[in-house]
Amino acid sequence: MARYCFYCGKELEDNEKCYCQARTRAEAAAKSAVYGQSQNAVQDQTDRSNSPESSGAEHDAATASGSYSSTNSTSSSETQGKPSDTKSKRESAKEKRAAAKEKRRAERERLRQVRAEAKRRAQAEKERRRQSYQSKAAGSHNPYQQKSNSYGAQQARGFGRELLQLLTRPADAIKAQAVPFWSTSHTIYLIASSLLGGAHISFANRWLYSVLFSDRLVPPNLEGAGLYFTGVLISAFFLFLYTGTLWLLARFIFRQGGLPFSHTLAVGKTAWAYLTLFMLIALPTTMQGGFFGLLLVLMGFAFSCLVHARSVAVITHLSDNQAINLTLVSLLIFTSLFAAAIAFFQTILIA
C-alpha cells in the first residue's frame, strides 16, 4: 500500500522519510539571513556610498536575492505538483472501485432476473401440464364417428391394420392408437381378454388354490360354466382395478384434473390386444396343466400394464421420466392390493 507525506503529499517508499519540514526551515533561515544582510547593506550604504566596495555589495545582495527567489519558486512548484498527482491517483482509484461496485450490482440484478424468469417458466409449464389434458380433450375429434355405407368394411380393415401395426411397429401403435374414445375394437379386445382369462383360471383352478393357499383350503365345488364365468369376472375385475389405479395416479399425483375414467379405460385397447395375444399363446399349455402357461399369462399381464400406463402418458402429455414413474408406482400399488386381497381371503376362508 502506497504511503504519502502528511505535509507535502509526496509518495514515499517503505521505510522512507520525508525531510520537507527541515528543508522549509532551512529556506526560512536563509531568507532571514538575506533579509538581515540587506538591512545591514542599507544602513551601511550612507557610509560607503562613495567607496568602490558599495557596488560590489549591492551586486552580491542582488545575486543572493535572485538565487533565493528561484529556489523558492522551484520548491513551491514541486510542492504544488505532488498533491495534485496524489489527488488524481486517489480519484482514479475511487472511480475504479465505483465501477466495480456498479458491475457487481448489475450482475446480481441480471441473476435475479434470470431466476425469476426460470421460476415463471416452470410455473407456466406446471400450469400447462395441469390443463393440457383438458385442452386436448376439448379439441379432440372422435375418429370412430365417421360412419358411411361402407362403415363395416372400414372397421374391419382398420382392425386388421391396427393388429398388424401392433406386431410390426409397437411404439408407433401405442402412440397412434391412444385415442380416448370407445369403438367396436375396444369391446372386442376387452371381452376377449376377459374370456381367455376365465379359461385360464378354470383350467388351473386347483393348481392356483394349492399355490395361493398352500393346500390349506379346499377349492370351491365349481365346475363347468360356473367356474368359467367366475374366472371371467375375476379377469375383468383385475383389468378395471389397474385402470382405476392409473386414473387416480394421473389425476391426483400427476395433476391431470380433467382426465375422466372413461378415457383412461379407452386407451387400454392396445394393452388388451397384447394381453389377448399372450393368453392365446399360453392357452394350450395351460389346458395341459402346465406351469409355464400361467407364467406366460402373468408375463402378458405385466406387459399389458406397461403398455396401458404408456398410453395414459401419451394422452396426458407426460414426460418420459413421468411415464416411467407412473408405470412403476401403478405396478407397486396394484401388486400391493393383490397381495393384500390374497392375505385377506386366506384369513377369512381358513379361519
Protein backbone atom coordinates (compact mmCIF):
# COMPACT_ATOMS: atom_id res chain seq x y z
CA MET A 1 0.00 0.00 0.00
CA ALA A 2 1.40 3.43 -1.01
CA ARG A 3 2.44 5.93 1.70
CA TYR A 4 2.32 9.72 1.41
CA CYS A 5 3.79 12.58 3.39
CA PHE A 6 1.28 14.28 5.65
CA TYR A 7 2.69 17.79 4.90
CA CYS A 8 3.67 17.86 1.25
CA GLY A 9 1.82 14.79 -0.13
CA LYS A 10 4.93 13.18 -1.60
CA GLU A 11 4.66 9.41 -2.26
CA LEU A 12 7.12 7.51 -0.04
CA GLU A 13 8.66 4.09 -0.32
CA ASP A 14 8.79 1.61 2.55
CA ASN A 15 10.90 2.93 5.48
CA GLU A 16 11.48 6.22 3.59
CA LYS A 17 11.32 9.57 5.47
CA CYS A 18 10.36 12.97 4.11
CA TYR A 19 12.54 15.99 5.01
CA CYS A 20 10.22 18.66 3.68
CA GLN A 21 9.93 20.34 7.10
CA ALA A 22 13.71 20.53 7.56
CA ARG A 23 14.05 21.94 4.05
CA THR A 24 11.37 24.56 4.79
CA ARG A 25 13.14 25.65 7.97
CA ALA A 26 16.46 25.89 6.12
CA GLU A 27 14.85 28.04 3.45
CA ALA A 28 13.31 30.29 6.13
CA ALA A 29 16.70 30.67 7.84
CA ALA A 30 18.32 31.55 4.52
CA LYS A 31 15.64 34.11 3.86
CA SER A 32 16.14 35.68 7.27
CA ALA A 33 19.86 35.84 6.73
CA VAL A 34 19.46 37.51 3.34
CA TYR A 35 16.97 39.93 4.79
CA GLY A 36 19.39 40.80 7.61
CA GLN A 37 22.21 41.33 5.14
CA SER A 38 20.03 43.63 3.07
CA GLN A 39 19.19 45.68 6.14
CA ASN A 40 22.87 45.98 7.04
CA ALA A 41 23.62 46.98 3.49
CA VAL A 42 21.05 49.78 3.66
CA GLN A 43 22.45 51.04 6.94
CA ASP A 44 26.00 50.98 5.64
CA GLN A 45 25.10 52.48 2.30
CA THR A 46 25.34 56.02 3.60
CA ASP A 47 28.85 55.38 4.82
CA ARG A 48 30.02 53.57 1.75
CA SER A 49 28.23 55.45 -0.93
CA ASN A 50 31.44 56.74 -2.42
CA SER A 51 33.56 53.65 -1.88
CA PRO A 52 34.07 51.15 -4.72
CA GLU A 53 33.01 48.23 -2.48
CA SER A 54 29.42 49.53 -2.34
CA SER A 55 28.67 48.50 -5.87
CA GLY A 56 30.08 45.04 -5.19
CA ALA A 57 27.95 44.69 -2.08
CA GLU A 58 24.83 45.67 -3.99
CA HIS A 59 25.74 43.20 -6.70
CA ASP A 60 26.15 40.40 -4.12
CA ALA A 61 22.84 41.21 -2.47
CA ALA A 62 21.00 41.16 -5.77
CA THR A 63 22.59 37.85 -6.68
CA ALA A 64 21.63 36.30 -3.33
CA SER A 65 18.07 37.61 -3.64
CA GLY A 66 17.74 36.19 -7.14
CA SER A 67 19.04 32.79 -6.11
CA TYR A 68 16.64 32.69 -3.18
CA SER A 69 13.62 33.61 -5.34
CA SER A 70 14.50 30.94 -7.93
CA THR A 71 14.96 28.34 -5.19
CA ASN A 72 11.68 29.32 -3.58
CA SER A 73 9.76 29.17 -6.88
CA THR A 74 11.18 25.73 -7.72
CA SER A 75 10.31 24.37 -4.26
CA SER A 76 6.79 25.77 -4.38
CA SER A 77 6.17 24.28 -7.86
CA GLU A 78 7.36 20.86 -6.69
CA THR A 79 5.20 21.12 -3.57
CA GLN A 80 2.12 22.08 -5.60
CA GLY A 81 2.68 19.31 -8.20
CA LYS A 82 2.91 16.42 -5.77
CA PRO A 83 -0.51 16.87 -4.07
CA SER A 84 -2.22 17.19 -7.47
CA ASP A 85 -0.71 13.88 -8.63
CA THR A 86 -1.77 12.17 -5.39
CA LYS A 87 -5.28 13.57 -5.70
CA SER A 88 -5.63 12.33 -9.27
CA LYS A 89 -4.49 8.83 -8.26
CA ARG A 90 -6.99 8.75 -5.40
CA GLU A 91 -9.79 9.87 -7.68
CA SER A 92 -8.92 7.25 -10.31
CA ALA A 93 -8.85 4.50 -7.66
CA LYS A 94 -12.19 5.71 -6.31
CA GLU A 95 -13.69 5.67 -9.80
CA LYS A 96 -12.42 2.11 -10.37
CA ARG A 97 -13.98 0.94 -7.10
CA ALA A 98 -17.27 2.59 -8.01
CA ALA A 99 -17.22 0.96 -11.46
CA ALA A 100 -16.52 -2.47 -9.96
CA LYS A 101 -19.33 -2.00 -7.44
CA GLU A 102 -21.74 -0.99 -10.19
CA LYS A 103 -20.70 -4.02 -12.26
CA ARG A 104 -21.34 -6.38 -9.33
CA ARG A 105 -24.72 -4.80 -8.72
CA ALA A 106 -25.67 -5.18 -12.39
CA GLU A 107 -24.57 -8.85 -12.31
CA ARG A 108 -26.70 -9.51 -9.21
CA GLU A 109 -29.67 -7.86 -10.89
CA ARG A 110 -29.19 -9.97 -14.01
CA LEU A 111 -29.01 -13.21 -11.99
CA ARG A 112 -32.13 -12.21 -10.08
CA GLN A 113 -33.99 -11.63 -13.34
CA VAL A 114 -32.78 -14.98 -14.71
CA ARG A 115 -34.00 -16.82 -11.61
CA ALA A 116 -37.34 -15.01 -11.75
CA GLU A 117 -37.76 -15.91 -15.43
CA ALA A 118 -36.88 -19.57 -14.77
CA LYS A 119 -39.39 -19.69 -11.92
CA ARG A 120 -42.06 -18.11 -14.09
CA ARG A 121 -41.44 -20.60 -16.90
CA ALA A 122 -41.53 -23.55 -14.50
CA GLN A 123 -44.82 -22.32 -13.06
CA ALA A 124 -46.25 -21.81 -16.56
CA GLU A 125 -45.13 -25.30 -17.62
CA LYS A 126 -46.68 -26.78 -14.49
CA GLU A 127 -49.95 -24.99 -15.17
CA ARG A 128 -49.86 -26.05 -18.84
CA ARG A 129 -49.41 -29.68 -17.87
CA ARG A 130 -52.25 -29.39 -15.36
CA GLN A 131 -54.57 -28.07 -18.04
CA SER A 132 -53.05 -29.90 -21.02
CA TYR A 133 -55.45 -32.82 -20.95
CA GLN A 134 -58.48 -30.53 -20.66
CA SER A 135 -57.47 -28.55 -23.77
CA LYS A 136 -56.58 -31.77 -25.60
CA ALA A 137 -59.87 -33.42 -24.73
CA ALA A 138 -61.89 -30.33 -25.66
CA GLY A 139 -60.32 -30.13 -29.11
CA SER A 140 -60.11 -33.84 -29.85
CA HIS A 141 -62.03 -35.48 -32.63
CA ASN A 142 -63.54 -38.92 -32.42
CA PRO A 143 -62.35 -40.87 -35.48
CA TYR A 144 -64.85 -43.66 -34.83
CA GLN A 145 -67.88 -41.45 -35.50
CA GLN A 146 -67.28 -41.26 -39.25
CA LYS A 147 -69.99 -43.61 -40.46
CA SER A 148 -70.92 -44.28 -44.06
CA ASN A 149 -72.43 -47.03 -46.17
CA SER A 150 -69.17 -48.98 -46.03
CA TYR A 151 -68.67 -48.45 -42.29
CA GLY A 152 -68.43 -52.16 -41.50
CA ALA A 153 -65.79 -52.77 -44.14
CA GLN A 154 -63.81 -49.76 -42.97
CA GLN A 155 -63.92 -51.06 -39.39
CA ALA A 156 -62.69 -54.46 -40.47
CA ARG A 157 -59.83 -53.02 -42.49
CA GLY A 158 -58.93 -50.65 -39.65
CA PHE A 159 -58.97 -53.55 -37.18
CA GLY A 160 -56.59 -55.50 -39.38
CA ARG A 161 -54.24 -52.54 -39.84
CA GLU A 162 -54.15 -51.88 -36.12
CA LEU A 163 -53.36 -55.51 -35.35
CA LEU A 164 -50.58 -55.56 -37.94
CA GLN A 165 -49.17 -52.31 -36.58
CA LEU A 166 -49.10 -53.80 -33.07
CA LEU A 167 -46.84 -56.58 -34.32
CA THR A 168 -44.57 -54.62 -36.67
CA ARG A 169 -44.36 -51.13 -35.12
CA PRO A 170 -45.42 -51.39 -31.47
CA ALA A 171 -44.08 -47.98 -30.38
CA ASP A 172 -45.92 -46.19 -33.19
CA ALA A 173 -49.02 -48.26 -32.47
CA ILE A 174 -49.12 -47.22 -28.84
CA LYS A 175 -48.96 -43.53 -29.80
CA ALA A 176 -51.32 -43.75 -32.76
CA GLN A 177 -53.97 -45.92 -31.06
CA ALA A 178 -54.03 -43.93 -27.80
CA VAL A 179 -57.42 -42.44 -28.70
CA PRO A 180 -59.66 -41.73 -25.68
CA PHE A 181 -62.87 -42.78 -27.44
CA TRP A 182 -64.68 -46.11 -27.43
CA SER A 183 -65.08 -48.23 -30.52
CA THR A 184 -66.01 -51.76 -31.52
CA SER A 185 -62.40 -52.90 -31.36
CA HIS A 186 -62.24 -51.81 -27.71
CA THR A 187 -65.18 -54.07 -26.90
CA ILE A 188 -63.68 -56.98 -28.81
CA TYR A 189 -60.30 -56.81 -27.06
CA LEU A 190 -61.80 -56.33 -23.58
CA ILE A 191 -64.24 -59.23 -23.93
CA ALA A 192 -61.59 -61.48 -25.49
CA SER A 193 -59.06 -60.87 -22.72
CA SER A 194 -61.70 -61.45 -20.04
CA LEU A 195 -62.95 -64.69 -21.64
CA LEU A 196 -59.44 -66.02 -22.11
CA GLY A 197 -58.61 -65.10 -18.52
CA GLY A 198 -61.64 -67.07 -17.35
CA ALA A 199 -60.49 -70.06 -19.40
CA HIS A 200 -57.03 -70.00 -17.82
CA ILE A 201 -58.48 -69.72 -14.32
CA SER A 202 -60.91 -72.60 -14.89
CA PHE A 203 -58.22 -74.90 -16.26
CA ALA A 204 -55.72 -74.08 -13.48
CA ASN A 205 -58.23 -73.76 -10.64
CA ARG A 206 -56.89 -76.49 -8.38
CA TRP A 207 -53.29 -75.64 -9.04
CA LEU A 208 -53.94 -71.95 -8.25
CA TYR A 209 -55.60 -72.82 -4.95
CA SER A 210 -52.71 -75.05 -3.96
CA VAL A 211 -50.20 -72.28 -4.71
CA LEU A 212 -52.11 -69.36 -3.17
CA PHE A 213 -53.45 -71.12 -0.08
CA SER A 214 -50.80 -73.85 0.45
CA ASP A 215 -53.30 -76.77 0.35
CA ARG A 216 -54.98 -75.47 3.49
CA LEU A 217 -58.18 -74.60 1.65
CA VAL A 218 -60.31 -76.90 -0.47
CA PRO A 219 -61.22 -75.26 -3.79
CA PRO A 220 -64.92 -74.46 -4.22
CA ASN A 221 -67.06 -77.06 -5.90
CA LEU A 222 -67.44 -75.13 -9.13
CA GLU A 223 -67.36 -76.81 -12.46
CA GLY A 224 -68.28 -76.01 -15.99
CA ALA A 225 -69.98 -72.68 -16.67
CA GLY A 226 -69.96 -71.52 -13.05
CA LEU A 227 -66.21 -71.82 -12.70
CA TYR A 228 -65.61 -70.33 -16.13
CA PHE A 229 -67.74 -67.22 -15.62
CA THR A 230 -66.21 -66.74 -12.19
CA GLY A 231 -62.83 -66.62 -13.86
CA VAL A 232 -64.17 -64.16 -16.44
CA LEU A 233 -65.38 -61.83 -13.69
CA ILE A 234 -62.08 -62.08 -11.84
CA SER A 235 -60.12 -61.25 -15.03
CA ALA A 236 -62.35 -58.25 -15.82
CA PHE A 237 -62.08 -57.07 -12.21
CA PHE A 238 -58.27 -57.03 -12.38
CA LEU A 239 -58.33 -55.09 -15.66
CA PHE A 240 -60.68 -52.47 -14.23
CA LEU A 241 -58.71 -52.34 -10.98
CA TYR A 242 -55.49 -51.47 -12.78
CA THR A 243 -57.31 -48.89 -14.91
CA GLY A 244 -58.67 -47.25 -11.76
CA THR A 245 -55.17 -47.20 -10.26
CA LEU A 246 -53.81 -45.38 -13.32
CA TRP A 247 -56.72 -42.94 -13.29
CA LEU A 248 -56.26 -41.99 -9.64
CA LEU A 249 -52.49 -41.57 -10.03
CA ALA A 250 -52.86 -39.42 -13.15
CA ARG A 251 -55.47 -37.15 -11.55
CA PHE A 252 -54.03 -36.63 -8.09
CA ILE A 253 -50.30 -37.34 -8.39
CA PHE A 254 -49.59 -36.01 -11.88
CA ARG A 255 -52.30 -33.29 -11.66
CA GLN A 256 -54.38 -34.25 -14.70
CA GLY A 257 -57.59 -32.99 -13.18
CA GLY A 258 -59.60 -33.11 -16.41
CA LEU A 259 -58.92 -36.79 -17.13
CA PRO A 260 -62.14 -38.86 -16.94
CA PHE A 261 -62.18 -42.55 -16.10
CA SER A 262 -63.74 -43.43 -19.47
CA HIS A 263 -60.75 -42.01 -21.35
CA THR A 264 -58.33 -43.91 -19.12
CA LEU A 265 -60.27 -47.07 -19.84
CA ALA A 266 -60.49 -46.41 -23.58
CA VAL A 267 -56.73 -46.05 -24.11
CA GLY A 268 -56.25 -49.56 -22.71
CA LYS A 269 -57.19 -51.10 -26.06
CA THR A 270 -53.58 -51.65 -27.09
CA ALA A 271 -52.77 -53.24 -23.72
CA TRP A 272 -55.76 -55.61 -24.00
CA ALA A 273 -54.69 -56.58 -27.51
CA TYR A 274 -51.25 -57.66 -26.28
CA LEU A 275 -52.81 -59.46 -23.30
CA THR A 276 -55.14 -61.35 -25.64
CA LEU A 277 -52.17 -62.39 -27.76
CA PHE A 278 -50.23 -63.70 -24.75
CA MET A 279 -53.28 -65.61 -23.45
CA LEU A 280 -53.91 -67.24 -26.81
CA ILE A 281 -50.32 -68.45 -27.00
CA ALA A 282 -50.38 -69.75 -23.40
CA LEU A 283 -53.79 -71.45 -23.57
CA PRO A 284 -52.63 -74.86 -24.97
CA THR A 285 -50.01 -75.16 -22.23
CA THR A 286 -52.49 -74.22 -19.52
CA MET A 287 -55.04 -76.76 -20.79
CA GLN A 288 -52.44 -79.49 -20.26
CA GLY A 289 -51.89 -78.32 -16.67
CA GLY A 290 -48.50 -76.81 -17.37
CA PHE A 291 -46.90 -74.22 -15.12
CA PHE A 292 -45.38 -72.30 -17.99
CA GLY A 293 -48.79 -71.46 -19.40
CA LEU A 294 -49.73 -69.48 -16.30
CA LEU A 295 -46.27 -67.95 -16.22
CA LEU A 296 -46.75 -66.70 -19.77
CA VAL A 297 -50.14 -65.27 -18.80
CA LEU A 298 -48.56 -63.35 -15.92
CA MET A 299 -45.86 -62.03 -18.23
CA GLY A 300 -48.53 -60.90 -20.67
CA PHE A 301 -50.48 -59.17 -17.93
CA ALA A 302 -47.34 -57.33 -16.75
CA PHE A 303 -46.56 -56.25 -20.32
CA SER A 304 -50.12 -55.04 -20.83
CA CYS A 305 -49.82 -52.95 -17.67
CA LEU A 306 -46.70 -51.29 -19.08
CA VAL A 307 -48.46 -50.55 -22.37
CA HIS A 308 -51.58 -49.22 -20.64
CA ALA A 309 -49.52 -46.83 -18.48
CA ARG A 310 -47.63 -45.66 -21.57
CA SER A 311 -50.91 -44.96 -23.38
CA VAL A 312 -52.15 -42.86 -20.46
CA ALA A 313 -48.88 -40.93 -20.53
CA VAL A 314 -49.40 -40.23 -24.24
CA ILE A 315 -52.83 -38.63 -23.86
CA THR A 316 -51.78 -36.66 -20.78
CA HIS A 317 -48.51 -35.39 -22.34
CA LEU A 318 -46.30 -36.71 -19.56
CA SER A 319 -42.54 -36.67 -20.00
CA ASP A 320 -40.51 -39.88 -20.27
CA ASN A 321 -39.49 -39.73 -16.62
CA GLN A 322 -43.07 -39.13 -15.53
CA ALA A 323 -44.28 -42.00 -17.70
CA ILE A 324 -41.82 -44.39 -16.05
CA ASN A 325 -42.82 -43.08 -12.62
CA LEU A 326 -46.49 -43.64 -13.44
CA THR A 327 -45.77 -47.21 -14.57
CA LEU A 328 -43.64 -48.04 -11.54
CA VAL A 329 -45.97 -46.58 -8.93
CA SER A 330 -49.07 -48.12 -10.53
CA LEU A 331 -47.49 -51.59 -10.59
CA LEU A 332 -46.35 -51.27 -6.99
CA ILE A 333 -49.81 -50.21 -5.83
CA PHE A 334 -51.56 -52.89 -7.91
CA THR A 335 -49.36 -55.73 -6.66
CA SER A 336 -49.76 -54.46 -3.10
CA LEU A 337 -53.55 -54.52 -3.46
CA PHE A 338 -53.40 -58.02 -4.96
CA ALA A 339 -51.22 -59.30 -2.10
CA ALA A 340 -53.49 -57.66 0.47
CA ALA A 341 -56.56 -59.27 -1.12
CA ILE A 342 -54.93 -62.72 -1.10
CA ALA A 343 -53.94 -62.30 2.55
CA PHE A 344 -57.46 -61.17 3.43
CA PHE A 345 -59.10 -64.17 1.77
CA GLN A 346 -56.62 -66.52 3.39
CA THR A 347 -57.54 -65.13 6.79
CA ILE A 348 -61.28 -65.22 6.19
CA LEU A 349 -61.58 -68.61 4.50
CA ILE A 350 -59.09 -70.53 6.64
CA ALA A 351 -60.37 -69.22 9.99
